[in-house]
């Protein structure tokens, strides 16, 4: 569910048809290697940890091709879903507006197989209209994107060109008592984030290691309290016999 900026070389990656198909498979395809669907697992973990009951507004940042947005729509009356990639947003809108979408996944070499997504297959037909998809930069969001009970940033933080800008804006966009959920495998790369803007994954001037969790704590401590921290695995299929298996850390923060 990454988002990036035009200011980083990695931004163009998310516009390729092959990667869009890979993320459609990641969001909507069958489970792989016995690991649960990642967007579904994330939203279930978050909604189980926050106060019960339907709420009115949430923001899904780095929504990619939209599965987490549709899952959030089961719990919120309105979901603003934002990703930097126009290709990802176009795919999410196609699923929403047409009710189905076909794509292709590699099997081996030049061979592929066709898959079909339907809103009915994920039981989202009645809630999909609650989502508003749009392109946007998570580090420079429009002023109108505010007053949320939940902001979900799924596998986003380590793909932003200046993640501190994003974190600094969260207190003014989330209601008092609201929630910020962040997932990430903390795979910092200079292609996406200049090293001087990394939240962790480096050594301090005295040689001591700085990890991303403590970077998040430092960035959010003035306005947010940590309420949950856990690992959520995910698998991204590359071919029929090659998969990426990764652990993302989920941290859930409540605005004071």
Protein backbone atom coordinates (compact mmCIF):
# COMPACT_ATOMS: atom_id res chain seq x y z
CA UNK A 1 0.00 0.00 0.00
CA UNK A 2 2.85 2.41 -0.60
CA UNK A 3 2.73 6.03 -1.48
CA UNK A 4 5.58 8.09 -2.79
CA UNK A 5 6.38 11.53 -4.07
CA UNK A 6 7.31 12.87 -7.48
CA UNK A 7 10.41 14.22 -5.71
CA UNK A 8 11.80 10.67 -5.38
CA UNK A 9 13.03 8.35 -8.13
CA UNK A 10 10.91 5.50 -6.76
CA UNK A 11 7.63 7.24 -7.62
CA UNK A 12 7.53 5.99 -11.23
CA UNK A 13 7.67 2.36 -10.09
CA UNK A 14 4.05 2.43 -8.96
CA UNK A 15 2.73 3.39 -12.39
CA UNK A 16 3.82 0.20 -14.19
CA UNK A 17 1.08 -2.21 -15.24
CA UNK A 18 3.01 -5.15 -13.82
CA UNK A 19 3.16 -3.63 -10.37
CA UNK A 20 -0.51 -2.62 -10.48
CA UNK A 21 -1.42 -6.23 -11.27
CA UNK A 22 0.89 -7.42 -8.47
CA UNK A 23 -0.88 -5.17 -5.98
CA UNK A 24 -4.32 -6.21 -7.21
CA UNK A 25 -3.22 -9.76 -6.41
CA UNK A 26 -1.82 -8.66 -3.04
CA UNK A 27 -5.07 -6.91 -2.09
CA UNK A 28 -7.69 -9.12 -3.70
CA UNK A 29 -6.09 -12.43 -4.68
CA UNK A 30 -6.16 -15.74 -2.80
CA UNK A 31 -4.12 -16.17 0.35
CA UNK A 32 -0.57 -17.37 -0.28
CA UNK A 33 1.67 -19.62 1.86
CA UNK A 34 -1.00 -19.79 4.55
CA UNK A 35 -0.72 -16.07 5.37
CA UNK A 36 -3.92 -14.06 5.74
CA UNK A 37 -4.81 -11.20 3.41
CA UNK A 38 -2.79 -8.26 4.71
CA UNK A 39 -5.28 -5.36 4.30
CA UNK A 40 -8.02 -7.46 5.90
CA UNK A 41 -5.78 -8.51 8.80
CA UNK A 42 -4.70 -4.91 9.42
CA UNK A 43 -8.21 -3.45 9.52
CA UNK A 44 -9.49 -6.28 11.72
CA UNK A 45 -6.63 -5.72 14.19
CA UNK A 46 -7.20 -1.96 14.27
CA UNK A 47 -10.96 -2.01 14.62
CA UNK A 48 -10.73 -4.63 17.37
CA UNK A 49 -8.44 -2.32 19.35
CA UNK A 50 -10.38 0.94 19.12
CA UNK A 51 -13.71 1.88 20.64
CA UNK A 52 -16.66 -0.12 19.24
CA UNK A 53 -19.47 1.24 17.12
CA UNK A 54 -19.76 2.76 13.67
CA UNK A 55 -17.96 6.04 13.12
CA UNK A 56 -18.34 8.69 10.49
CA UNK A 57 -14.93 9.60 8.98
CA UNK A 58 -11.57 7.97 8.37
CA UNK A 59 -8.59 8.46 6.05
CA UNK A 60 -6.70 5.64 4.30
CA UNK A 61 -3.29 6.98 3.23
CA UNK A 62 -1.26 4.95 0.77
CA UNK A 63 -4.43 3.02 -0.05
CA UNK A 64 -2.87 1.48 -3.19
CA UNK A 65 -5.58 -0.44 -5.10
CA UNK A 66 -8.19 -0.10 -2.40
CA UNK A 67 -8.82 -3.27 -0.39
CA UNK A 68 -8.10 -1.61 2.96
CA UNK A 69 -10.44 1.24 1.99
CA UNK A 70 -13.32 -1.15 1.31
CA UNK A 71 -12.61 -2.94 4.59
CA UNK A 72 -12.66 0.39 6.47
CA UNK A 73 -15.99 1.21 4.85
CA UNK A 74 -17.55 -1.63 6.87
CA UNK A 75 -16.83 0.42 10.02
CA UNK A 76 -17.01 4.07 8.88
CA UNK A 77 -19.68 6.05 7.06
CA UNK A 78 -17.11 7.84 4.88
CA UNK A 79 -13.57 6.84 3.84
CA UNK A 80 -11.20 9.20 2.07
CA UNK A 81 -8.65 6.99 0.30
CA UNK A 82 -5.46 8.61 -1.02
CA UNK A 83 -2.45 7.31 -2.92
CA UNK A 84 0.24 9.10 -4.91
CA UNK A 85 -0.03 6.58 -7.76
CA UNK A 86 -2.61 7.51 -10.38
CA UNK A 87 -2.46 3.93 -11.67
CA UNK A 88 -3.33 2.47 -8.26
CA UNK A 89 -6.22 4.93 -7.82
CA UNK A 90 -7.56 4.20 -11.32
CA UNK A 91 -7.59 0.46 -10.54
CA UNK A 92 -9.38 1.02 -7.21
CA UNK A 93 -11.97 3.24 -8.88
CA UNK A 94 -12.53 0.65 -11.60
CA UNK A 95 -13.30 -2.02 -8.99
CA UNK A 96 -15.61 0.41 -7.17
CA UNK A 97 -17.49 1.70 -10.21
CA UNK A 98 -17.68 -1.43 -12.35
CA UNK A 99 -18.04 -3.95 -9.55
CA UNK A 100 -15.38 -6.17 -11.12
CA UNK A 101 -11.95 -6.03 -12.73
CA UNK A 102 -9.68 -8.54 -14.47
CA UNK A 103 -5.90 -8.58 -14.23
CA UNK A 104 -3.04 -10.97 -14.93
CA UNK A 105 -0.41 -12.50 -12.66
CA UNK A 106 2.83 -14.18 -13.79
CA UNK A 107 3.10 -17.94 -13.42
CA UNK A 108 6.53 -18.59 -14.92
CA UNK A 109 8.62 -16.89 -17.58
CA UNK A 110 6.29 -15.10 -20.01
CA UNK A 111 3.22 -17.10 -18.92
CA UNK A 112 0.41 -15.50 -16.92
CA UNK A 113 -3.01 -16.42 -15.61
CA UNK A 114 -6.07 -14.21 -15.47
CA UNK A 115 -7.83 -13.30 -12.24
CA UNK A 116 -11.09 -11.47 -11.66
CA UNK A 117 -11.96 -9.24 -8.70
CA UNK A 118 -15.60 -8.64 -7.81
CA UNK A 119 -17.03 -6.55 -5.01
CA UNK A 120 -19.41 -9.42 -4.31
CA UNK A 121 -16.53 -11.83 -3.72
CA UNK A 122 -15.25 -9.65 -0.86
CA UNK A 123 -18.78 -8.83 0.34
CA UNK A 124 -18.25 -5.09 -0.22
CA UNK A 125 -21.06 -4.31 -2.65
CA UNK A 126 -23.12 -2.42 -0.07
CA UNK A 127 -20.27 -0.37 1.41
CA UNK A 128 -18.04 0.45 -1.59
CA UNK A 129 -19.86 3.72 -2.33
CA UNK A 130 -18.72 5.11 1.03
CA UNK A 131 -15.15 5.38 -0.29
CA UNK A 132 -13.81 8.44 -2.12
CA UNK A 133 -10.58 7.65 -3.96
CA UNK A 134 -8.15 10.38 -4.99
CA UNK A 135 -4.50 10.93 -5.77
CA UNK A 136 -2.45 12.91 -3.29
CA UNK A 137 0.86 13.40 -1.53
CA UNK A 138 0.83 12.15 2.08
CA UNK A 139 3.46 14.75 3.00
CA UNK A 140 1.38 17.63 1.62
CA UNK A 141 -2.32 16.83 1.94
CA UNK A 142 -5.12 19.30 1.11
CA UNK A 143 -6.50 21.20 4.08
CA UNK A 144 -9.93 19.63 3.51
CA UNK A 145 -8.62 16.20 4.51
CA UNK A 146 -9.10 16.67 8.24
CA UNK A 147 -11.41 15.92 11.20
CA UNK A 148 -10.91 12.14 11.17
CA UNK A 149 -11.54 9.54 13.84
CA UNK A 150 -8.93 7.23 12.28
CA UNK A 151 -6.02 7.66 9.91
CA UNK A 152 -4.55 4.42 8.56
CA UNK A 153 -1.10 4.61 6.93
CA UNK A 154 -0.48 1.12 5.58
CA UNK A 155 3.14 0.33 4.61
CA UNK A 156 3.60 4.01 3.84
CA UNK A 157 6.03 5.62 6.26
CA UNK A 158 9.22 4.19 4.73
CA UNK A 159 8.20 5.23 1.21
CA UNK A 160 7.74 8.95 1.90
CA UNK A 161 10.33 11.53 0.90
CA UNK A 162 10.03 13.29 4.29
CA UNK A 163 8.02 11.19 6.76
CA UNK A 164 8.36 13.75 9.55
CA UNK A 165 6.17 16.13 7.52
CA UNK A 166 3.45 13.49 7.44
CA UNK A 167 3.70 12.76 11.17
CA UNK A 168 3.73 16.46 12.08
CA UNK A 169 0.40 16.95 10.29
CA UNK A 170 -1.46 14.11 11.99
CA UNK A 171 -2.43 15.90 15.21
CA UNK A 172 -4.29 18.57 13.25
CA UNK A 173 -6.10 16.01 11.07
CA UNK A 174 -7.21 13.56 13.78
CA UNK A 175 -9.86 14.42 16.35
CA UNK A 176 -9.04 14.43 20.05
CA UNK A 177 -9.37 10.81 21.16
CA UNK A 178 -8.98 9.62 17.57
CA UNK A 179 -6.48 7.10 16.24
CA UNK A 180 -3.42 6.85 14.03
CA UNK A 181 -2.52 3.36 12.75
CA UNK A 182 0.82 2.82 11.02
CA UNK A 183 2.14 -0.38 9.48
CA UNK A 184 5.59 -0.78 7.99
CA UNK A 185 8.39 -3.33 7.55
CA UNK A 186 10.80 -0.38 8.00
CA UNK A 187 12.67 -1.05 4.76
CA UNK A 188 14.31 2.35 4.41
CA UNK A 189 15.82 3.01 0.98
CA UNK A 190 17.49 6.15 -0.31
CA UNK A 191 15.59 5.71 -3.59
CA UNK A 192 12.45 6.77 -1.73
CA UNK A 193 13.62 8.62 1.39
CA UNK A 194 16.89 10.58 1.61
CA UNK A 195 18.82 9.10 4.53
CA UNK A 196 18.73 12.34 6.51
CA UNK A 197 14.94 11.90 6.72
CA UNK A 198 14.89 8.27 7.89
CA UNK A 199 13.08 7.80 11.20
CA UNK A 200 15.30 4.83 12.06
CA UNK A 201 17.60 2.20 10.65
CA UNK A 202 20.79 4.20 11.21
CA UNK A 203 23.47 4.83 13.85
CA UNK A 204 23.42 8.04 15.88
CA UNK A 205 26.47 10.29 16.16
CA UNK A 206 27.64 8.34 19.23
CA UNK A 207 27.34 5.05 17.35
CA UNK A 208 24.18 3.85 19.10
CA UNK A 209 21.50 2.27 16.87
CA UNK A 210 18.29 4.18 16.18
CA UNK A 211 15.31 1.98 15.22
CA UNK A 212 12.12 3.17 13.59
CA UNK A 213 9.79 2.34 16.46
CA UNK A 214 11.70 4.70 18.74
CA UNK A 215 11.79 7.26 15.93
CA UNK A 216 7.99 7.08 15.78
CA UNK A 217 7.75 7.41 19.56
CA UNK A 218 9.90 10.53 19.48
CA UNK A 219 7.92 12.07 16.62
CA UNK A 220 4.48 11.38 18.14
CA UNK A 221 5.12 11.64 21.89
CA UNK A 222 3.78 15.19 22.32
CA UNK A 223 0.31 14.43 20.92
CA UNK A 224 -0.21 10.64 20.86
CA UNK A 225 -0.13 7.67 23.22
CA UNK A 226 0.84 4.19 22.02
CA UNK A 227 -1.97 1.69 22.64
CA UNK A 228 -0.98 -1.35 20.56
CA UNK A 229 2.10 -2.78 18.87
CA UNK A 230 2.23 -6.09 16.99
CA UNK A 231 3.62 -7.78 13.88
CA UNK A 232 1.39 -8.59 10.90
CA UNK A 233 2.88 -10.80 8.17
CA UNK A 234 2.21 -10.40 4.49
CA UNK A 235 3.07 -12.21 1.27
CA UNK A 236 3.45 -10.64 -2.16
CA UNK A 237 3.31 -13.09 -5.06
CA UNK A 238 5.90 -12.65 -7.81
CA UNK A 239 5.33 -15.90 -9.73
CA UNK A 240 3.60 -19.19 -9.01
CA UNK A 241 6.71 -20.36 -7.13
CA UNK A 242 8.29 -17.15 -5.90
CA UNK A 243 6.87 -14.98 -3.13
CA UNK A 244 8.04 -12.18 -0.85
CA UNK A 245 7.32 -12.98 2.81
CA UNK A 246 7.59 -9.94 5.11
CA UNK A 247 6.67 -8.82 8.61
CA UNK A 248 5.16 -5.37 9.04
CA UNK A 249 4.94 -3.80 12.46
CA UNK A 250 1.56 -2.31 13.34
CA UNK A 251 1.58 0.52 15.86
CA UNK A 252 -1.68 2.11 17.00
CA UNK A 253 -1.63 5.56 18.59
CA UNK A 254 -4.43 7.55 20.26
CA UNK A 255 -4.48 11.32 20.06
CA UNK A 256 -4.69 12.91 23.46
